[in-house]
């Protein structure tokens, strides 16, 4: 019992049927090859999963590359002074060598 077989894998009556083409290696092992779906009387071949991932990644990267850069941050409020970057001397740390 080793050959190519077609199996009805999912059913959502009366509109959708999913058929899987698979290769049976032995009575316990099968290798899926293709999937087809019948939708309202028309038969379509489902794309392989890797093609779906590639299409999504390409679409996402094109969206990212066409998006404008982020706007600059708003100005500081009036009267705000940013903190100084100079460090105050810590008497415990800066005692020097004894």
C-alpha atoms as a PDB file:
ATOM      1  CA  UNK A   1       0.000   0.000   0.000  1.00  0.00           C
ATOM      2  CA  UNK A   2       2.495   2.660  -1.199  1.00  0.00           C
ATOM      3  CA  UNK A   3       1.475   5.214  -3.778  1.00  0.00           C
ATOM      4  CA  UNK A   4       0.082   8.714  -4.300  1.00  0.00           C
ATOM      5  CA  UNK A   5      -3.302   9.219  -2.654  1.00  0.00           C
ATOM      6  CA  UNK A   6      -5.792  12.008  -2.150  1.00  0.00           C
ATOM      7  CA  UNK A   7      -7.450  12.494   1.224  1.00  0.00           C
ATOM      8  CA  UNK A   8     -10.316  14.732   2.286  1.00  0.00           C
ATOM      9  CA  UNK A   9      -8.743  16.586   5.208  1.00  0.00           C
ATOM     10  CA  UNK A  10     -11.205  19.374   6.166  1.00  0.00           C
ATOM     11  CA  UNK A  11     -14.868  19.973   5.429  1.00  0.00           C
ATOM     12  CA  UNK A  12     -17.027  23.020   6.020  1.00  0.00           C
ATOM     13  CA  UNK A  13     -20.208  21.992   4.258  1.00  0.00           C
ATOM     14  CA  UNK A  14     -21.595  23.038   1.848  1.00  0.00           C
ATOM     15  CA  UNK A  15     -19.028  25.567   0.622  1.00  0.00           C
ATOM     16  CA  UNK A  16     -15.477  24.438   1.461  1.00  0.00           C
ATOM     17  CA  UNK A  17     -13.638  21.126   1.119  1.00  0.00           C
ATOM     18  CA  UNK A  18      -9.867  20.706   1.548  1.00  0.00           C
ATOM     19  CA  UNK A  19      -8.192  17.792  -0.250  1.00  0.00           C
ATOM     20  CA  UNK A  20      -4.595  16.792   0.470  1.00  0.00           C
ATOM     21  CA  UNK A  21      -2.383  15.004  -2.052  1.00  0.00           C
ATOM     22  CA  UNK A  22       0.096  12.796  -0.231  1.00  0.00           C
ATOM     23  CA  UNK A  23       2.585  10.049  -0.871  1.00  0.00           C
ATOM     24  CA  UNK A  24       2.190   6.970   1.267  1.00  0.00           C
ATOM     25  CA  UNK A  25       5.582   5.474   2.101  1.00  0.00           C
ATOM     26  CA  UNK A  26       4.220   2.609   4.193  1.00  0.00           C
ATOM     27  CA  UNK A  27       0.967   1.981   6.111  1.00  0.00           C
ATOM     28  CA  UNK A  28       2.060   4.355   8.914  1.00  0.00           C
ATOM     29  CA  UNK A  29       4.070   7.071   7.095  1.00  0.00           C
ATOM     30  CA  UNK A  30       2.696   9.652   4.667  1.00  0.00           C
ATOM     31  CA  UNK A  31       4.382  12.706   3.152  1.00  0.00           C
ATOM     32  CA  UNK A  32       2.075  15.638   2.260  1.00  0.00           C
ATOM     33  CA  UNK A  33       2.704  16.986  -1.228  1.00  0.00           C
ATOM     34  CA  UNK A  34      -0.006  19.503  -2.174  1.00  0.00           C
ATOM     35  CA  UNK A  35      -3.308  20.789  -0.907  1.00  0.00           C
ATOM     36  CA  UNK A  36      -6.345  21.708  -2.948  1.00  0.00           C
ATOM     37  CA  UNK A  37      -9.538  23.347  -1.875  1.00  0.00           C
ATOM     38  CA  UNK A  38     -12.979  23.311  -3.396  1.00  0.00           C
ATOM     39  CA  UNK A  39     -14.737  26.585  -2.762  1.00  0.00           C
ATOM     40  CA  UNK A  40     -18.301  26.915  -4.024  1.00  0.00           C
ATOM     41  CA  UNK A  41     -17.701  24.428  -6.841  1.00  0.00           C
ATOM     42  CA  UNK A  42     -14.314  25.775  -8.013  1.00  0.00           C
ATOM     43  CA  UNK A  43     -11.047  23.898  -7.401  1.00  0.00           C
ATOM     44  CA  UNK A  44      -7.922  25.828  -6.378  1.00  0.00           C
ATOM     45  CA  UNK A  45      -4.409  24.656  -5.572  1.00  0.00           C
ATOM     46  CA  UNK A  46      -3.270  25.985  -2.209  1.00  0.00           C
ATOM     47  CA  UNK A  47       0.183  27.602  -2.261  1.00  0.00           C
ATOM     48  CA  UNK A  48       2.972  25.975  -0.248  1.00  0.00           C
ATOM     49  CA  UNK A  49       3.450  27.435   3.211  1.00  0.00           C
ATOM     50  CA  UNK A  50       6.955  28.724   2.423  1.00  0.00           C
ATOM     51  CA  UNK A  51       5.554  30.807  -0.473  1.00  0.00           C
ATOM     52  CA  UNK A  52       3.041  32.403   1.887  1.00  0.00           C
ATOM     53  CA  UNK A  53       5.804  33.323   4.346  1.00  0.00           C
ATOM     54  CA  UNK A  54       7.991  34.793   1.598  1.00  0.00           C
ATOM     55  CA  UNK A  55       5.101  36.879   0.255  1.00  0.00           C
ATOM     56  CA  UNK A  56       4.309  38.213   3.737  1.00  0.00           C
ATOM     57  CA  UNK A  57       7.954  39.100   4.436  1.00  0.00           C
ATOM     58  CA  UNK A  58       8.329  40.885   1.087  1.00  0.00           C
ATOM     59  CA  UNK A  59       5.109  42.800   1.689  1.00  0.00           C
ATOM     60  CA  UNK A  60       6.192  43.789   5.188  1.00  0.00           C
ATOM     61  CA  UNK A  61       9.659  44.889   4.058  1.00  0.00           C
ATOM     62  CA  UNK A  62       8.202  47.019   1.263  1.00  0.00           C
ATOM     63  CA  UNK A  63       5.887  48.700   3.765  1.00  0.00           C
ATOM     64  CA  UNK A  64       8.846  49.435   6.049  1.00  0.00           C
ATOM     65  CA  UNK A  65      11.024  50.792   3.258  1.00  0.00           C
ATOM     66  CA  UNK A  66       8.303  53.112   1.954  1.00  0.00           C
ATOM     67  CA  UNK A  67       7.337  54.523   5.351  1.00  0.00           C
ATOM     68  CA  UNK A  68       8.663  58.034   6.143  1.00  0.00           C
ATOM     69  CA  UNK A  69      11.218  58.594   8.939  1.00  0.00           C
ATOM     70  CA  UNK A  70       9.986  59.331  12.432  1.00  0.00           C
ATOM     71  CA  UNK A  71       9.214  62.995  13.178  1.00  0.00           C
ATOM     72  CA  UNK A  72      11.632  64.915  15.401  1.00  0.00           C
ATOM     73  CA  UNK A  73      10.840  65.000  19.117  1.00  0.00           C
ATOM     74  CA  UNK A  74       8.847  67.987  20.382  1.00  0.00           C
ATOM     75  CA  UNK A  75      10.774  70.940  21.857  1.00  0.00           C
ATOM     76  CA  UNK A  76      11.363  71.176  25.591  1.00  0.00           C
ATOM     77  CA  UNK A  77       8.747  73.153  27.524  1.00  0.00           C
ATOM     78  CA  UNK A  78       9.465  76.782  28.270  1.00  0.00           C
ATOM     79  CA  UNK A  79      11.653  77.227  31.325  1.00  0.00           C
ATOM     80  CA  UNK A  80      12.947  73.631  31.312  1.00  0.00           C
ATOM     81  CA  UNK A  81      16.664  73.177  31.794  1.00  0.00           C
ATOM     82  CA  UNK A  82      18.111  69.808  30.874  1.00  0.00           C
ATOM     83  CA  UNK A  83      20.131  68.075  33.590  1.00  0.00           C
ATOM     84  CA  UNK A  84      23.859  68.721  33.594  1.00  0.00           C
ATOM     85  CA  UNK A  85      26.146  65.931  32.531  1.00  0.00           C
ATOM     86  CA  UNK A  86      28.908  66.785  34.998  1.00  0.00           C
ATOM     87  CA  UNK A  87      29.195  64.396  37.876  1.00  0.00           C
ATOM     88  CA  UNK A  88      29.313  65.692  41.410  1.00  0.00           C
ATOM     89  CA  UNK A  89      32.191  64.389  43.500  1.00  0.00           C
ATOM     90  CA  UNK A  90      31.215  61.498  45.746  1.00  0.00           C
ATOM     91  CA  UNK A  91      33.263  61.769  48.948  1.00  0.00           C
ATOM     92  CA  UNK A  92      33.258  58.006  49.522  1.00  0.00           C
ATOM     93  CA  UNK A  93      34.289  56.980  45.996  1.00  0.00           C
ATOM     94  CA  UNK A  94      36.661  59.882  45.297  1.00  0.00           C
ATOM     95  CA  UNK A  95      38.795  59.559  48.455  1.00  0.00           C
ATOM     96  CA  UNK A  96      41.802  58.545  46.474  1.00  0.00           C
ATOM     97  CA  UNK A  97      44.367  56.005  47.566  1.00  0.00           C
ATOM     98  CA  UNK A  98      45.164  55.844  51.265  1.00  0.00           C
END
